């Protein structure tokens, strides 16, 4: 859709500098934007590109306004303003309620007449799907699943039995919710599978990225609270708890029974041990390994930055001998 700058200013709360009647049709990058397009500057690394932009308008901070060659929307949070405007220009497509002839639906299901069931969907028994929800092609929904209102399952998603999904949830292709957790007991060198009799509860406004998996609880439920955002290829183990408005980046592995507080940010490829607790408002930078509980809010890191291979090898050798080196230093100090 299109909108004039005055409209976008009102929607986003940003201050308008320039022509309020300027028409914006779409968003684009600083480098590629042209007439009828709006862009944004939120990273100082791209400040030198502002003077050359051909965009009809730029979302930026007060400090960058003096270098802007065109109309501007000014805010102390340009990226947030961009997010609001992008959502306004690209609203989520509304689907008209219908059940495709190629869908298979079990017994005693309660599917609201405004919801959409696409082709090749398989739905088990006693499933509830509430108003304005969209079930995309190829999804499998097992027995006793409950899905809230205005939720979107894009395609090829599996919801195992007894899973509960909240309102305004978005699940991307390949997501699996409620597969068995990794519950095993050992006897005489062999593994005995432990039945996973819990389930998974996803709160409202949760988004789960492509090919991510959330395991069902061993006894109680795995809980993903309201507002949680999960990136692609994330693994969440059985009985984990993720607090409200936490964001988890791609390829994170969260082990079973880990507890993550509210408003945390977990960087990509990090691994979180099981049975530990991370308090509210913790940021874990990418590729970190978290072996122990974190009880104080803050920023935490453990990954070693990439370096020249020869230097890295020397550092690793020294790290392996670190305890011996420290003992020698302490002996000399004494």
Protein backbone atom coordinates (compact mmCIF):
# COMPACT_ATOMS: atom_id res chain seq x y z
CA UNK A 1 0.00 0.00 0.00
CA UNK A 2 0.98 3.66 -0.35
CA UNK A 3 0.89 6.47 2.20
CA UNK A 4 1.91 10.10 2.48
CA UNK A 5 4.64 11.16 4.90
CA UNK A 6 2.18 12.92 7.20
CA UNK A 7 0.37 9.62 7.61
CA UNK A 8 3.60 7.73 8.29
CA UNK A 9 4.67 10.36 10.81
CA UNK A 10 1.43 9.88 12.71
CA UNK A 11 1.68 6.08 12.60
CA UNK A 12 5.29 5.97 13.79
CA UNK A 13 5.42 8.95 16.14
CA UNK A 14 8.43 10.42 14.30
CA UNK A 15 8.80 14.16 13.63
CA UNK A 16 8.29 15.12 9.99
CA UNK A 17 10.76 17.45 8.29
CA UNK A 18 9.85 18.25 4.69
CA UNK A 19 6.84 17.70 2.45
CA UNK A 20 3.91 16.12 4.33
CA UNK A 21 2.22 15.21 1.00
CA UNK A 22 5.19 13.20 -0.29
CA UNK A 23 3.89 9.79 -1.38
CA UNK A 24 5.72 6.67 -0.19
CA UNK A 25 5.07 3.37 -1.95
CA UNK A 26 7.66 1.07 -0.41
CA UNK A 27 10.83 0.77 1.67
CA UNK A 28 14.38 0.22 0.45
CA UNK A 29 18.04 0.52 1.47
CA UNK A 30 20.00 3.77 1.54
CA UNK A 31 21.93 2.68 -1.55
CA UNK A 32 19.04 1.43 -3.67
CA UNK A 33 16.11 3.64 -2.66
CA UNK A 34 14.64 5.97 -5.29
CA UNK A 35 11.64 8.23 -5.79
CA UNK A 36 8.58 7.04 -3.90
CA UNK A 37 10.64 4.99 -1.45
CA UNK A 38 11.59 5.51 2.19
CA UNK A 39 14.79 4.29 3.83
CA UNK A 40 16.43 4.53 7.25
CA UNK A 41 19.77 5.20 8.91
CA UNK A 42 20.29 3.56 12.29
CA UNK A 43 23.87 2.27 12.02
CA UNK A 44 26.70 4.80 12.03
CA UNK A 45 28.70 2.58 9.64
CA UNK A 46 26.37 3.68 6.83
CA UNK A 47 26.31 7.41 7.60
CA UNK A 48 28.49 8.23 4.59
CA UNK A 49 25.78 6.85 2.29
CA UNK A 50 23.15 9.33 3.47
CA UNK A 51 24.32 12.21 1.26
CA UNK A 52 24.03 10.04 -1.87
CA UNK A 53 20.63 8.52 -1.25
CA UNK A 54 17.91 9.02 -3.88
CA UNK A 55 15.08 8.12 -1.49
CA UNK A 56 12.05 10.35 -1.13
CA UNK A 57 12.43 10.21 2.65
CA UNK A 58 14.86 8.95 5.29
CA UNK A 59 14.18 7.83 8.85
CA UNK A 60 17.05 9.05 11.00
CA UNK A 61 18.17 10.61 14.27
CA UNK A 62 18.43 14.31 15.06
CA UNK A 63 22.24 14.12 14.75
CA UNK A 64 22.02 12.99 11.12
CA UNK A 65 19.33 15.42 10.01
CA UNK A 66 21.84 18.09 8.91
CA UNK A 67 23.26 15.71 6.29
CA UNK A 68 19.92 14.57 4.91
CA UNK A 69 19.33 15.64 1.26
CA UNK A 70 15.61 14.87 1.25
CA UNK A 71 12.51 14.63 3.45
CA UNK A 72 13.04 13.11 6.87
CA UNK A 73 11.26 11.39 9.73
CA UNK A 74 13.27 12.17 12.84
CA UNK A 75 13.40 9.93 15.90
CA UNK A 76 15.82 8.82 18.61
CA UNK A 77 14.95 5.24 17.60
CA UNK A 78 15.11 5.14 13.76
CA UNK A 79 15.05 1.36 13.50
CA UNK A 80 11.90 1.14 15.61
CA UNK A 81 10.25 3.78 13.44
CA UNK A 82 11.25 1.81 10.36
CA UNK A 83 9.67 -1.32 11.86
CA UNK A 84 6.38 0.50 12.49
CA UNK A 85 6.30 1.96 8.98
CA UNK A 86 7.21 -1.34 7.32
CA UNK A 87 4.36 -3.04 9.19
CA UNK A 88 2.00 -0.29 8.09
CA UNK A 89 3.01 -0.47 4.41
CA UNK A 90 3.08 -4.28 4.39
CA UNK A 91 0.17 -5.49 6.53
CA UNK A 92 -0.17 -9.24 7.03
CA UNK A 93 -2.40 -10.69 4.34
CA UNK A 94 -5.89 -11.49 5.57
CA UNK A 95 -7.25 -14.88 4.57
CA UNK A 96 -10.92 -15.56 4.02
CA UNK A 97 -12.23 -18.48 6.06
CA UNK A 98 -12.43 -21.68 4.04
CA UNK A 99 -11.53 -25.36 4.30
CA UNK A 100 -9.78 -26.80 1.25
CA UNK A 101 -11.25 -29.98 -0.20
CA UNK A 102 -7.84 -31.68 0.08
CA UNK A 103 -7.62 -31.18 3.84
CA UNK A 104 -8.18 -34.15 6.15
CA UNK A 105 -9.98 -33.34 9.39
CA UNK A 106 -10.58 -35.73 12.28
CA UNK A 107 -13.56 -36.11 14.58
CA UNK A 108 -14.96 -33.66 17.12
CA UNK A 109 -12.93 -30.70 15.85
CA UNK A 110 -13.99 -27.12 16.49
CA UNK A 111 -12.77 -24.93 13.64
CA UNK A 112 -14.02 -21.33 13.59
CA UNK A 113 -15.73 -20.39 10.34
CA UNK A 114 -13.37 -17.42 9.81
CA UNK A 115 -10.25 -19.61 9.84
CA UNK A 116 -8.55 -21.04 6.77
CA UNK A 117 -7.43 -24.64 6.29
CA UNK A 118 -5.24 -25.06 3.20
CA UNK A 119 -4.61 -28.04 0.93
CA UNK A 120 -2.94 -31.19 2.26
CA UNK A 121 -3.44 -30.24 5.89
CA UNK A 122 -4.01 -33.17 8.24
CA UNK A 123 -5.88 -32.49 11.48
CA UNK A 124 -6.43 -35.09 14.20
CA UNK A 125 -9.33 -35.48 16.62
CA UNK A 126 -10.56 -32.97 19.21
CA UNK A 127 -8.63 -30.05 17.69
CA UNK A 128 -9.71 -26.47 18.36
CA UNK A 129 -8.80 -23.69 15.91
CA UNK A 130 -10.07 -20.24 16.84
CA UNK A 131 -11.08 -17.21 14.75
CA UNK A 132 -9.06 -15.72 11.89
CA UNK A 133 -6.33 -18.35 12.08
CA UNK A 134 -4.53 -19.54 8.94
CA UNK A 135 -3.24 -23.10 8.55
CA UNK A 136 -0.96 -23.26 5.52
CA UNK A 137 -0.42 -26.16 3.13
CA UNK A 138 1.11 -29.38 4.38
CA UNK A 139 0.67 -28.74 8.10
CA UNK A 140 0.04 -31.65 10.46
CA UNK A 141 -1.94 -31.00 13.64
CA UNK A 142 -2.26 -33.96 15.99
CA UNK A 143 -5.01 -34.82 18.47
CA UNK A 144 -6.14 -32.42 21.19
CA UNK A 145 -4.23 -29.41 19.90
CA UNK A 146 -5.61 -25.94 20.63
CA UNK A 147 -4.71 -22.94 18.44
CA UNK A 148 -5.71 -19.38 19.34
CA UNK A 149 -7.03 -16.49 17.29
CA UNK A 150 -5.26 -14.72 14.40
CA UNK A 151 -2.42 -17.24 14.37
CA UNK A 152 -0.49 -18.13 11.21
CA UNK A 153 1.07 -21.50 10.40
CA UNK A 154 2.79 -20.70 7.12
CA UNK A 155 3.44 -24.20 5.73
CA UNK A 156 4.68 -27.71 6.56
CA UNK A 157 4.48 -27.29 10.33
CA UNK A 158 3.94 -30.13 12.79
CA UNK A 159 2.06 -29.64 16.04
CA UNK A 160 2.20 -32.84 18.08
CA UNK A 161 -0.60 -34.01 20.37
CA UNK A 162 -1.89 -31.79 23.20
CA UNK A 163 0.14 -28.73 22.18
CA UNK A 164 -1.41 -25.35 22.99
CA UNK A 165 -0.71 -22.32 20.78
CA UNK A 166 -1.76 -18.78 21.77
CA UNK A 167 -3.15 -15.80 19.87
CA UNK A 168 -1.28 -13.83 17.18
CA UNK A 169 1.42 -16.48 16.85
CA UNK A 170 3.50 -16.91 13.66
CA UNK A 171 5.12 -20.28 12.92
CA UNK A 172 7.43 -20.44 9.91
CA UNK A 173 7.94 -23.45 7.59
CA UNK A 174 9.41 -26.59 9.10
CA UNK A 175 8.66 -25.77 12.74
CA UNK A 176 8.01 -28.78 14.98
CA UNK A 177 6.28 -28.17 18.30
CA UNK A 178 5.86 -30.98 20.80
CA UNK A 179 8.16 -33.74 19.56
CA UNK A 180 9.50 -35.99 22.30
CA UNK A 181 12.21 -34.56 24.49
CA UNK A 182 15.59 -36.30 24.81
CA UNK A 183 14.64 -38.44 27.79
CA UNK A 184 16.72 -41.59 28.22
CA UNK A 185 17.93 -43.80 31.06
CA UNK A 186 20.91 -46.13 30.79
CA UNK A 187 21.07 -49.75 31.85
CA UNK A 188 24.03 -52.02 31.13
CA UNK A 189 25.26 -49.72 28.39
CA UNK A 190 21.90 -49.57 26.61
CA UNK A 191 19.41 -46.73 26.47
CA UNK A 192 15.81 -46.97 27.69
CA UNK A 193 13.42 -44.34 26.33
CA UNK A 194 11.43 -42.40 28.94
CA UNK A 195 7.88 -41.48 27.87
CA UNK A 196 7.48 -37.73 27.42
CA UNK A 197 4.03 -37.14 28.87
CA UNK A 198 4.09 -33.34 29.15
CA UNK A 199 3.32 -30.91 26.34
CA UNK A 200 4.24 -27.42 25.04
CA UNK A 201 2.46 -24.12 25.71
CA UNK A 202 3.18 -21.17 23.41
CA UNK A 203 1.88 -17.81 24.65
CA UNK A 204 0.45 -14.91 22.67
CA UNK A 205 2.46 -12.93 20.09
CA UNK A 206 5.16 -15.59 19.81
CA UNK A 207 7.10 -16.05 16.56
CA UNK A 208 9.13 -19.17 15.76
CA UNK A 209 11.55 -19.24 12.82
CA UNK A 210 11.94 -21.88 10.13
CA UNK A 211 13.03 -25.39 11.13
CA UNK A 212 13.10 -24.61 14.83
CA UNK A 213 12.03 -27.29 17.30
CA UNK A 214 10.49 -27.09 20.75
CA UNK A 215 10.31 -30.40 22.62
CA UNK A 216 7.41 -31.47 24.82
CA UNK A 217 7.96 -31.78 28.55
CA UNK A 218 8.98 -35.02 30.21
CA UNK A 219 6.30 -34.62 32.89
CA UNK A 220 5.25 -30.96 33.04
CA UNK A 221 5.10 -28.62 30.05
CA UNK A 222 7.71 -26.71 28.09
CA UNK A 223 6.67 -23.04 28.35
CA UNK A 224 7.28 -20.28 25.81
CA UNK A 225 5.84 -17.08 27.29
CA UNK A 226 4.07 -14.15 25.63
CA UNK A 227 6.03 -12.08 23.14
CA UNK A 228 8.99 -14.46 22.74
CA UNK A 229 10.76 -14.30 19.36
CA UNK A 230 12.70 -17.34 18.18
CA UNK A 231 14.90 -17.33 15.07
CA UNK A 232 15.57 -20.15 12.60
CA UNK A 233 17.04 -23.54 13.53
CA UNK A 234 16.76 -23.13 17.29
CA UNK A 235 16.45 -26.19 19.54
CA UNK A 236 14.59 -25.89 22.85
CA UNK A 237 14.71 -28.94 25.09
CA UNK A 238 12.01 -30.50 27.24
CA UNK A 239 10.66 -28.58 30.24
CA UNK A 240 12.54 -25.41 29.34
CA UNK A 241 10.97 -22.09 30.32
CA UNK A 242 11.44 -18.91 28.27
CA UNK A 243 10.21 -15.67 29.83
CA UNK A 244 8.19 -12.88 28.23
CA UNK A 245 9.65 -10.86 25.34
CA UNK A 246 12.92 -12.78 25.21
CA UNK A 247 14.59 -13.01 21.78
CA UNK A 248 16.62 -16.07 20.74
CA UNK A 249 18.79 -15.83 17.61
CA UNK A 250 19.49 -18.59 15.09
CA UNK A 251 21.11 -21.94 15.92
CA UNK A 252 20.84 -21.53 19.69
CA UNK A 253 20.60 -24.77 21.68
CA UNK A 254 18.65 -24.50 24.91
CA UNK A 255 18.92 -27.69 26.95
CA UNK A 256 16.17 -29.29 28.96
CA UNK A 257 14.83 -27.64 32.13
CA UNK A 258 16.77 -24.42 31.53
CA UNK A 259 15.01 -21.30 32.80
CA UNK A 260 15.35 -18.06 30.81
CA UNK A 261 13.95 -14.86 32.31
CA UNK A 262 12.09 -11.95 30.76
CA UNK A 263 13.49 -9.61 28.09
CA UNK A 264 16.67 -11.61 27.56
CA UNK A 265 18.60 -11.61 24.27
CA UNK A 266 20.51 -14.76 23.34
CA UNK A 267 22.98 -14.40 20.48
CA UNK A 268 23.25 -16.83 17.60
CA UNK A 269 24.87 -20.27 18.03
CA UNK A 270 24.99 -19.97 21.81
CA UNK A 271 24.40 -23.03 23.96
CA UNK A 272 22.65 -23.00 27.32
CA UNK A 273 23.13 -25.87 29.77
CA UNK A 274 20.16 -27.66 31.23
CA UNK A 275 18.85 -27.08 34.75
CA UNK A 276 20.34 -23.59 35.05
CA UNK A 277 18.63 -20.23 35.52
CA UNK A 278 19.21 -16.99 33.64
CA UNK A 279 17.60 -13.98 35.28
CA UNK A 280 15.68 -11.17 33.56
CA UNK A 281 17.36 -8.64 31.22
CA UNK A 282 20.44 -10.67 30.35
CA UNK A 283 22.21 -10.32 26.98
CA UNK A 284 24.35 -13.27 25.86
CA UNK A 285 26.54 -12.48 22.87
CA UNK A 286 26.83 -14.88 19.95
CA UNK A 287 28.54 -18.28 20.19
CA UNK A 288 28.66 -18.19 23.98
CA UNK A 289 28.51 -21.30 26.11
CA UNK A 290 26.53 -20.84 29.33
CA UNK A 291 27.39 -23.57 31.83
CA UNK A 292 26.21 -21.94 35.05
CA UNK A 293 23.28 -19.82 36.23
CA UNK A 294 23.36 -16.05 35.66
CA UNK A 295 21.75 -14.19 38.55
CA UNK A 296 22.60 -10.57 37.70
CA UNK A 297 21.30 -8.63 34.64
CA UNK A 298 23.99 -7.57 32.16
CA UNK A 299 25.93 -8.53 29.04
CA UNK A 300 27.80 -11.85 29.06
CA UNK A 301 30.22 -13.41 26.55
CA UNK A 302 32.39 -16.49 26.29
CA UNK A 303 33.21 -17.05 22.62
CA UNK A 304 36.78 -16.51 21.42
CA UNK A 305 36.92 -14.11 18.43
CA UNK A 306 38.36 -15.46 15.20
CA UNK A 307 42.08 -14.82 14.76
CA UNK A 308 45.04 -15.94 12.68
CA UNK A 309 45.28 -19.74 12.85
CA UNK A 310 48.91 -19.81 13.99
CA UNK A 311 48.17 -17.41 16.83
CA UNK A 312 45.03 -19.35 17.72
CA UNK A 313 47.00 -22.61 18.01
CA UNK A 314 49.55 -20.98 20.32
CA UNK A 315 46.75 -19.52 22.44
CA UNK A 316 45.04 -22.91 22.73
CA UNK A 317 48.27 -24.59 23.85
CA UNK A 318 48.75 -21.91 26.49
CA UNK A 319 45.15 -22.19 27.57
CA UNK A 320 45.55 -25.93 28.08
CA UNK A 321 48.54 -25.22 30.34
CA UNK A 322 46.90 -22.27 32.07
CA UNK A 323 46.48 -23.99 35.44
CA UNK A 324 50.13 -25.04 35.53
CA UNK A 325 51.26 -21.54 34.49
CA UNK A 326 49.18 -19.89 37.22
CA UNK A 327 50.54 -22.27 39.85
CA UNK A 328 54.12 -21.40 38.84
CA UNK A 329 53.36 -17.67 38.99
CA UNK A 330 51.71 -18.01 42.40
CA UNK A 331 54.68 -20.05 43.68
CA UNK A 332 57.12 -17.34 42.58
CA UNK A 333 54.96 -14.61 44.15
CA UNK A 334 54.90 -16.49 47.43
